[in-house]
Amino acid sequence: MTRKLLRVVAAEDKRRRVHLLATAGEAMLTAIDRGRAEQFVGVVRRLPAAERGLVAAAVAALATRAPVTPPRTPS
């Protein structure tokens, strides 16, 4: 079965092959990310209110200190 998740891009050095995510690969990663986020929110919603606040503060602190992630595919 071929899913076409990657695409091959010509490289300057013909001995190398460059693989990037294709549209289908991007869509798959987006679906996985969305699923993980929904799972996380589901767990956090079951916490007592005080603990939800702590989790929210921790996530906000991490988000402000996170390194910048480069795009998955070049523009």
PDB file of N, CA and C in Angstrom:
ATOM      1  N   MET A   1       0.837  -1.176   0.000  1.00  0.00           N
ATOM      2  CA  MET A   1       0.000   0.000   0.000  1.00  0.00           C
ATOM      3  C   MET A   1       0.888   1.248   0.000  1.00  0.00           C
ATOM      4  N   THR A   2       0.642   2.170  -0.893  1.00  0.00           N
ATOM      5  CA  THR A   2       1.385   3.410  -0.985  1.00  0.00           C
ATOM      6  C   THR A   2       0.539   4.541  -0.424  1.00  0.00           C
ATOM      7  N   ARG A   3       1.090   5.252   0.544  1.00  0.00           N
ATOM      8  CA  ARG A   3       0.332   6.343   1.170  1.00  0.00           C
ATOM      9  C   ARG A   3       0.749   7.721   0.662  1.00  0.00           C
ATOM     10  N   LYS A   4       1.885   7.820   0.027  1.00  0.00           N
ATOM     11  CA  LYS A   4       2.374   9.097  -0.512  1.00  0.00           C
ATOM     12  C   LYS A   4       2.504  10.152   0.585  1.00  0.00           C
ATOM     13  N   LEU A   5       3.140   9.776   1.702  1.00  0.00           N
ATOM     14  CA  LEU A   5       3.320  10.693   2.818  1.00  0.00           C
ATOM     15  C   LEU A   5       4.547  11.585   2.643  1.00  0.00           C
ATOM     16  N   LEU A   6       5.473  11.130   1.802  1.00  0.00           N
ATOM     17  CA  LEU A   6       6.694  11.891   1.547  1.00  0.00           C
ATOM     18  C   LEU A   6       6.795  12.245   0.076  1.00  0.00           C
ATOM     19  N   ARG A   7       7.577  13.288  -0.169  1.00  0.00           N
ATOM     20  CA  ARG A   7       7.877  13.629  -1.558  1.00  0.00           C
ATOM     21  C   ARG A   7       9.390  13.794  -1.671  1.00  0.00           C
ATOM     22  N   VAL A   8       9.912  13.459  -2.813  1.00  0.00           N
ATOM     23  CA  VAL A   8      11.351  13.560  -3.053  1.00  0.00           C
ATOM     24  C   VAL A   8      11.612  14.849  -3.808  1.00  0.00           C
ATOM     25  N   VAL A   9      12.596  15.583  -3.326  1.00  0.00           N
ATOM     26  CA  VAL A   9      12.966  16.854  -3.950  1.00  0.00           C
ATOM     27  C   VAL A   9      14.379  16.702  -4.505  1.00  0.00           C
ATOM     28  N   ALA A  10      14.606  17.221  -5.683  1.00  0.00           N
ATOM     29  CA  ALA A  10      15.936  17.134  -6.286  1.00  0.00           C
ATOM     30  C   ALA A  10      16.943  17.878  -5.418  1.00  0.00           C
ATOM     31  N   ALA A  11      18.101  17.262  -5.221  1.00  0.00           N
ATOM     32  CA  ALA A  11      19.183  17.875  -4.454  1.00  0.00           C
ATOM     33  C   ALA A  11      20.281  18.297  -5.421  1.00  0.00           C
ATOM     34  N   GLU A  12      21.094  19.261  -4.988  1.00  0.00           N
ATOM     35  CA  GLU A  12      22.210  19.689  -5.836  1.00  0.00           C
ATOM     36  C   GLU A  12      23.185  18.537  -6.049  1.00  0.00           C
ATOM     37  N   ASP A  13      23.407  17.765  -5.000  1.00  0.00           N
ATOM     38  CA  ASP A  13      24.291  16.607  -5.076  1.00  0.00           C
ATOM     39  C   ASP A  13      23.452  15.404  -5.496  1.00  0.00           C
ATOM     40  N   LYS A  14      23.678  14.901  -6.678  1.00  0.00           N
ATOM     41  CA  LYS A  14      22.856  13.815  -7.231  1.00  0.00           C
ATOM     42  C   LYS A  14      23.014  12.504  -6.457  1.00  0.00           C
ATOM     43  N   ARG A  15      24.002  12.412  -5.566  1.00  0.00           N
ATOM     44  CA  ARG A  15      24.175  11.208  -4.762  1.00  0.00           C
ATOM     45  C   ARG A  15      23.219  11.191  -3.563  1.00  0.00           C
ATOM     46  N   ARG A  16      22.564  12.305  -3.320  1.00  0.00           N
ATOM     47  CA  ARG A  16      21.666  12.419  -2.170  1.00  0.00           C
ATOM     48  C   ARG A  16      20.229  12.525  -2.627  1.00  0.00           C
ATOM     49  N   ARG A  17      19.327  12.133  -1.734  1.00  0.00           N
ATOM     50  CA  ARG A  17      17.894  12.299  -1.990  1.00  0.00           C
ATOM     51  C   ARG A  17      17.314  13.064  -0.805  1.00  0.00           C
ATOM     52  N   VAL A  18      16.532  14.069  -1.091  1.00  0.00           N
ATOM     53  CA  VAL A  18      15.897  14.865  -0.043  1.00  0.00           C
ATOM     54  C   VAL A  18      14.419  14.472   0.007  1.00  0.00           C
ATOM     55  N   HIS A  19      13.974  14.090   1.189  1.00  0.00           N
ATOM     56  CA  HIS A  19      12.578  13.710   1.389  1.00  0.00           C
ATOM     57  C   HIS A  19      11.903  14.736   2.284  1.00  0.00           C
ATOM     58  N   LEU A  20      10.757  15.214   1.868  1.00  0.00           N
ATOM     59  CA  LEU A  20       9.953  16.150   2.647  1.00  0.00           C
ATOM     60  C   LEU A  20       8.550  15.580   2.794  1.00  0.00           C
ATOM     61  N   LEU A  21       7.831  16.088   3.767  1.00  0.00           N
ATOM     62  CA  LEU A  21       6.448  15.642   3.923  1.00  0.00           C
ATOM     63  C   LEU A  21       5.606  16.118   2.763  1.00  0.00           C
ATOM     64  N   ALA A  22       4.802  15.223   2.243  1.00  0.00           N
ATOM     65  CA  ALA A  22       3.836  15.583   1.209  1.00  0.00           C
ATOM     66  C   ALA A  22       2.577  16.085   1.910  1.00  0.00           C
ATOM     67  N   THR A  23       1.616  16.531   1.153  1.00  0.00           N
ATOM     68  CA  THR A  23       0.358  17.032   1.713  1.00  0.00           C
ATOM     69  C   THR A  23      -0.304  15.981   2.597  1.00  0.00           C
ATOM     70  N   ALA A  24      -0.294  14.736   2.154  1.00  0.00           N
ATOM     71  CA  ALA A  24      -0.895  13.656   2.947  1.00  0.00           C
ATOM     72  C   ALA A  24      -0.138  13.439   4.253  1.00  0.00           C
ATOM     73  N   GLY A  25       1.176  13.589   4.224  1.00  0.00           N
ATOM     74  CA  GLY A  25       1.982  13.460   5.437  1.00  0.00           C
ATOM     75  C   GLY A  25       1.689  14.571   6.422  1.00  0.00           C
ATOM     76  N   GLU A  26       1.579  15.785   5.906  1.00  0.00           N
ATOM     77  CA  GLU A  26       1.210  16.931   6.749  1.00  0.00           C
ATOM     78  C   GLU A  26      -0.155  16.698   7.382  1.00  0.00           C
ATOM     79  N   ALA A  27      -1.099  16.200   6.585  1.00  0.00           N
ATOM     80  CA  ALA A  27      -2.445  15.952   7.101  1.00  0.00           C
ATOM     81  C   ALA A  27      -2.417  14.891   8.198  1.00  0.00           C
ATOM     82  N   MET A  28      -1.605  13.852   8.009  1.00  0.00           N
ATOM     83  CA  MET A  28      -1.512  12.809   9.025  1.00  0.00           C
ATOM     84  C   MET A  28      -0.940  13.361  10.326  1.00  0.00           C
ATOM     85  N   LEU A  29       0.140  14.159  10.231  1.00  0.00           N
ATOM     86  CA  LEU A  29       0.719  14.743  11.436  1.00  0.00           C
ATOM     87  C   LEU A  29      -0.251  15.701  12.121  1.00  0.00           C
ATOM     88  N   THR A  30      -1.005  16.449  11.341  1.00  0.00           N
ATOM     89  CA  THR A  30      -2.000  17.354  11.912  1.00  0.00           C
ATOM     90  C   THR A  30      -3.060  16.568  12.671  1.00  0.00           C
ATOM     91  N   ALA A  31      -3.510  15.460  12.104  1.00  0.00           N
ATOM     92  CA  ALA A  31      -4.515  14.626  12.770  1.00  0.00           C
ATOM     93  C   ALA A  31      -3.956  14.026  14.060  1.00  0.00           C
ATOM     94  N   ILE A  32      -2.705  13.592  14.034  1.00  0.00           N
ATOM     95  CA  ILE A  32      -2.073  13.044  15.238  1.00  0.00           C
ATOM     96  C   ILE A  32      -1.949  14.127  16.304  1.00  0.00           C
ATOM     97  N   ASP A  33      -1.475  15.309  15.908  1.00  0.00           N
ATOM     98  CA  ASP A  33      -1.347  16.424  16.856  1.00  0.00           C
ATOM     99  C   ASP A  33      -2.701  16.790  17.461  1.00  0.00           C
ATOM    100  N   ARG A  34      -3.720  16.840  16.634  1.00  0.00           N
ATOM    101  CA  ARG A  34      -5.060  17.182  17.114  1.00  0.00           C
ATOM    102  C   ARG A  34      -5.559  16.128  18.108  1.00  0.00           C
ATOM    103  N   GLY A  35      -5.324  14.863  17.791  1.00  0.00           N
ATOM    104  CA  GLY A  35      -5.730  13.783  18.685  1.00  0.00           C
ATOM    105  C   GLY A  35      -5.026  13.860  20.027  1.00  0.00           C
ATOM    106  N   ARG A  36      -3.732  14.142  20.002  1.00  0.00           N
ATOM    107  CA  ARG A  36      -2.988  14.284  21.260  1.00  0.00           C
ATOM    108  C   ARG A  36      -3.507  15.459  22.074  1.00  0.00           C
ATOM    109  N   ALA A  37      -3.780  16.568  21.408  1.00  0.00           N
ATOM    110  CA  ALA A  37      -4.305  17.743  22.112  1.00  0.00           C
ATOM    111  C   ALA A  37      -5.653  17.433  22.745  1.00  0.00           C
ATOM    112  N   GLU A  38      -6.512  16.718  22.023  1.00  0.00           N
ATOM    113  CA  GLU A  38      -7.825  16.362  22.570  1.00  0.00           C
ATOM    114  C   GLU A  38      -7.680  15.436  23.777  1.00  0.00           C
ATOM    115  N   GLN A  39      -6.735  14.496  23.716  1.00  0.00           N
ATOM    116  CA  GLN A  39      -6.493  13.621  24.859  1.00  0.00           C
ATOM    117  C   GLN A  39      -6.020  14.425  26.071  1.00  0.00           C
ATOM    118  N   PHE A  40      -5.104  15.355  25.845  1.00  0.00           N
ATOM    119  CA  PHE A  40      -4.572  16.183  26.923  1.00  0.00           C
ATOM    120  C   PHE A  40      -5.688  16.997  27.566  1.00  0.00           C
ATOM    121  N   VAL A  41      -6.511  17.641  26.749  1.00  0.00           N
ATOM    122  CA  VAL A  41      -7.620  18.445  27.272  1.00  0.00           C
ATOM    123  C   VAL A  41      -8.586  17.564  28.058  1.00  0.00           C
ATOM    124  N   GLY A  42      -8.838  16.357  27.572  1.00  0.00           N
ATOM    125  CA  GLY A  42      -9.727  15.444  28.284  1.00  0.00           C
ATOM    126  C   GLY A  42      -9.209  15.099  29.668  1.00  0.00           C
ATOM    127  N   VAL A  43      -7.905  14.879  29.777  1.00  0.00           N
ATOM    128  CA  VAL A  43      -7.301  14.574  31.078  1.00  0.00           C
ATOM    129  C   VAL A  43      -7.369  15.795  31.983  1.00  0.00           C
ATOM    130  N   VAL A  44      -7.037  16.951  31.455  1.00  0.00           N
ATOM    131  CA  VAL A  44      -7.027  18.178  32.263  1.00  0.00           C
ATOM    132  C   VAL A  44      -8.432  18.523  32.742  1.00  0.00           C
ATOM    133  N   ARG A  45      -9.431  18.302  31.928  1.00  0.00           N
ATOM    134  CA  ARG A  45     -10.812  18.621  32.334  1.00  0.00           C
ATOM    135  C   ARG A  45     -11.262  17.807  33.542  1.00  0.00           C
ATOM    136  N   ARG A  46     -10.699  16.632  33.719  1.00  0.00           N
ATOM    137  CA  ARG A  46     -11.083  15.788  34.860  1.00  0.00           C
ATOM    138  C   ARG A  46     -10.377  16.177  36.153  1.00  0.00           C
ATOM    139  N   LEU A  47      -9.398  17.076  36.066  1.00  0.00           N
ATOM    140  CA  LEU A  47      -8.689  17.509  37.268  1.00  0.00           C
ATOM    141  C   LEU A  47      -9.533  18.487  38.075  1.00  0.00           C
ATOM    142  N   PRO A  48      -9.301  18.552  39.377  1.00  0.00           N
ATOM    143  CA  PRO A  48      -9.956  19.591  40.181  1.00  0.00           C
ATOM    144  C   PRO A  48      -9.530  20.980  39.677  1.00  0.00           C
ATOM    145  N   ALA A  49     -10.374  21.974  39.897  1.00  0.00           N
ATOM    146  CA  ALA A  49     -10.132  23.329  39.367  1.00  0.00           C
ATOM    147  C   ALA A  49      -8.759  23.866  39.756  1.00  0.00           C
ATOM    148  N   ALA A  50      -8.347  23.681  40.995  1.00  0.00           N
ATOM    149  CA  ALA A  50      -7.047  24.207  41.434  1.00  0.00           C
ATOM    150  C   ALA A  50      -5.903  23.571  40.640  1.00  0.00           C
ATOM    151  N   GLU A  51      -6.006  22.281  40.392  1.00  0.00           N
ATOM    152  CA  GLU A  51      -4.959  21.599  39.624  1.00  0.00           C
ATOM    153  C   GLU A  51      -4.987  22.010  38.157  1.00  0.00           C
ATOM    154  N   ARG A  52      -6.171  22.265  37.619  1.00  0.00           N
ATOM    155  CA  ARG A  52      -6.259  22.755  36.227  1.00  0.00           C
ATOM    156  C   ARG A  52      -5.523  24.074  36.099  1.00  0.00           C
ATOM    157  N   GLY A  53      -5.674  24.938  37.104  1.00  0.00           N
ATOM    158  CA  GLY A  53      -4.963  26.227  37.080  1.00  0.00           C
ATOM    159  C   GLY A  53      -3.459  26.042  37.070  1.00  0.00           C
ATOM    160  N   LEU A  54      -2.971  25.098  37.869  1.00  0.00           N
ATOM    161  CA  LEU A  54      -1.530  24.822  37.893  1.00  0.00           C
ATOM    162  C   LEU A  54      -1.050  24.302  36.543  1.00  0.00           C
ATOM    163  N   VAL A  55      -1.822  23.416  35.950  1.00  0.00           N
ATOM    164  CA  VAL A  55      -1.452  22.875  34.633  1.00  0.00           C
ATOM    165  C   VAL A  55      -1.444  24.001  33.595  1.00  0.00           C
ATOM    166  N   ALA A  56      -2.455  24.859  33.634  1.00  0.00           N
ATOM    167  CA  ALA A  56      -2.520  25.983  32.683  1.00  0.00           C
ATOM    168  C   ALA A  56      -1.320  26.905  32.851  1.00  0.00           C
ATOM    169  N   ALA A  57      -0.939  27.187  34.088  1.00  0.00           N
ATOM    170  CA  ALA A  57       0.216  28.059  34.338  1.00  0.00           C
ATOM    171  C   ALA A  57       1.501  27.392  33.844  1.00  0.00           C
ATOM    172  N   ALA A  58       1.629  26.095  34.070  1.00  0.00           N
ATOM    173  CA  ALA A  58       2.826  25.387  33.621  1.00  0.00           C
ATOM    174  C   ALA A  58       2.916  25.364  32.099  1.00  0.00           C
ATOM    175  N   VAL A  59       1.800  25.103  31.439  1.00  0.00           N
ATOM    176  CA  VAL A  59       1.791  25.071  29.966  1.00  0.00           C
ATOM    177  C   VAL A  59       2.129  26.453  29.414  1.00  0.00           C
ATOM    178  N   ALA A  60       1.583  27.512  30.016  1.00  0.00           N
ATOM    179  CA  ALA A  60       1.882  28.876  29.569  1.00  0.00           C
ATOM    180  C   ALA A  60       3.366  29.188  29.749  1.00  0.00           C
ATOM    181  N   ALA A  61       3.939  28.768  30.878  1.00  0.00           N
ATOM    182  CA  ALA A  61       5.368  29.002  31.114  1.00  0.00           C
ATOM    183  C   ALA A  61       6.214  28.264  30.087  1.00  0.00           C
ATOM    184  N   LEU A  62       5.852  27.025  29.802  1.00  0.00           N
ATOM    185  CA  LEU A  62       6.595  26.256  28.801  1.00  0.00           C
ATOM    186  C   LEU A  62       6.475  26.886  27.414  1.00  0.00           C
ATOM    187  N   ALA A  63       5.280  27.344  27.085  1.00  0.00           N
ATOM    188  CA  ALA A  63       5.049  27.923  25.754  1.00  0.00           C
ATOM    189  C   ALA A  63       5.881  29.183  25.539  1.00  0.00           C
ATOM    190  N   THR A  64       6.063  29.978  26.586  1.00  0.00           N
ATOM    191  CA  THR A  64       6.829  31.217  26.416  1.00  0.00           C
ATOM    192  C   THR A  64       8.327  30.956  26.330  1.00  0.00           C
ATOM    193  N   ARG A  65       8.755  29.780  26.749  1.00  0.00           N
ATOM    194  CA  ARG A  65      10.182  29.453  26.734  1.00  0.00           C
ATOM    195  C   ARG A  65      10.550  28.407  25.687  1.00  0.00           C
ATOM    196  N   ALA A  66       9.591  27.960  24.957  1.00  0.00           N
ATOM    197  CA  ALA A  66       9.836  26.917  23.954  1.00  0.00           C
ATOM    198  C   ALA A  66      10.654  27.475  22.793  1.00  0.00           C
ATOM    199  N   PRO A  67      11.547  26.656  22.250  1.00  0.00           N
ATOM    200  CA  PRO A  67      12.291  27.122  21.068  1.00  0.00           C
ATOM    201  C   PRO A  67      11.351  27.248  19.872  1.00  0.00           C
ATOM    202  N   VAL A  68      11.726  28.103  18.969  1.00  0.00           N
ATOM    203  CA  VAL A  68      10.932  28.282  17.759  1.00  0.00           C
ATOM    204  C   VAL A  68      11.127  27.052  16.882  1.00  0.00           C
ATOM    205  N   THR A  69      10.029  26.459  16.465  1.00  0.00           N
ATOM    206  CA  THR A  69      10.086  25.267  15.626  1.00  0.00           C
ATOM    207  C   THR A  69      10.048  25.685  14.159  1.00  0.00           C
ATOM    208  N   PRO A  70      11.023  25.244  13.371  1.00  0.00           N
ATOM    209  CA  PRO A  70      10.992  25.592  11.955  1.00  0.00           C
ATOM    210  C   PRO A  70       9.824  24.905  11.259  1.00  0.00           C
ATOM    211  N   PRO A  71       9.358  25.459  10.161  1.00  0.00           N
ATOM    212  CA  PRO A  71       8.267  24.815   9.426  1.00  0.00           C
ATOM    213  C   PRO A  71       8.687  23.418   8.972  1.00  0.00           C
ATOM    214  N   ARG A  72       7.700  22.539   8.825  1.00  0.00           N
ATOM    215  CA  ARG A  72       7.982  21.159   8.420  1.00  0.00           C
ATOM    216  C   ARG A  72       8.414  21.064   6.965  1.00  0.00           C
ATOM    217  N   THR A  73       7.900  21.946   6.135  1.00  0.00           N
ATOM    218  CA  THR A  73       8.287  21.932   4.730  1.00  0.00           C
ATOM    219  C   THR A  73       8.648  23.356   4.322  1.00  0.00           C
ATOM    220  N   PRO A  74       9.600  23.523   3.426  1.00  0.00           N
ATOM    221  CA  PRO A  74       9.951  24.864   2.991  1.00  0.00           C
ATOM    222  C   PRO A  74       8.809  25.520   2.228  1.00  0.00           C
ATOM    223  N   SER A  75       8.729  26.833   2.347  1.00  0.00           N
ATOM    224  CA  SER A  75       7.678  27.599   1.648  1.00  0.00           C
ATOM    225  C   SER A  75       7.995  27.777   0.195  1.00  0.00           C
TER     226      SER A  75
END
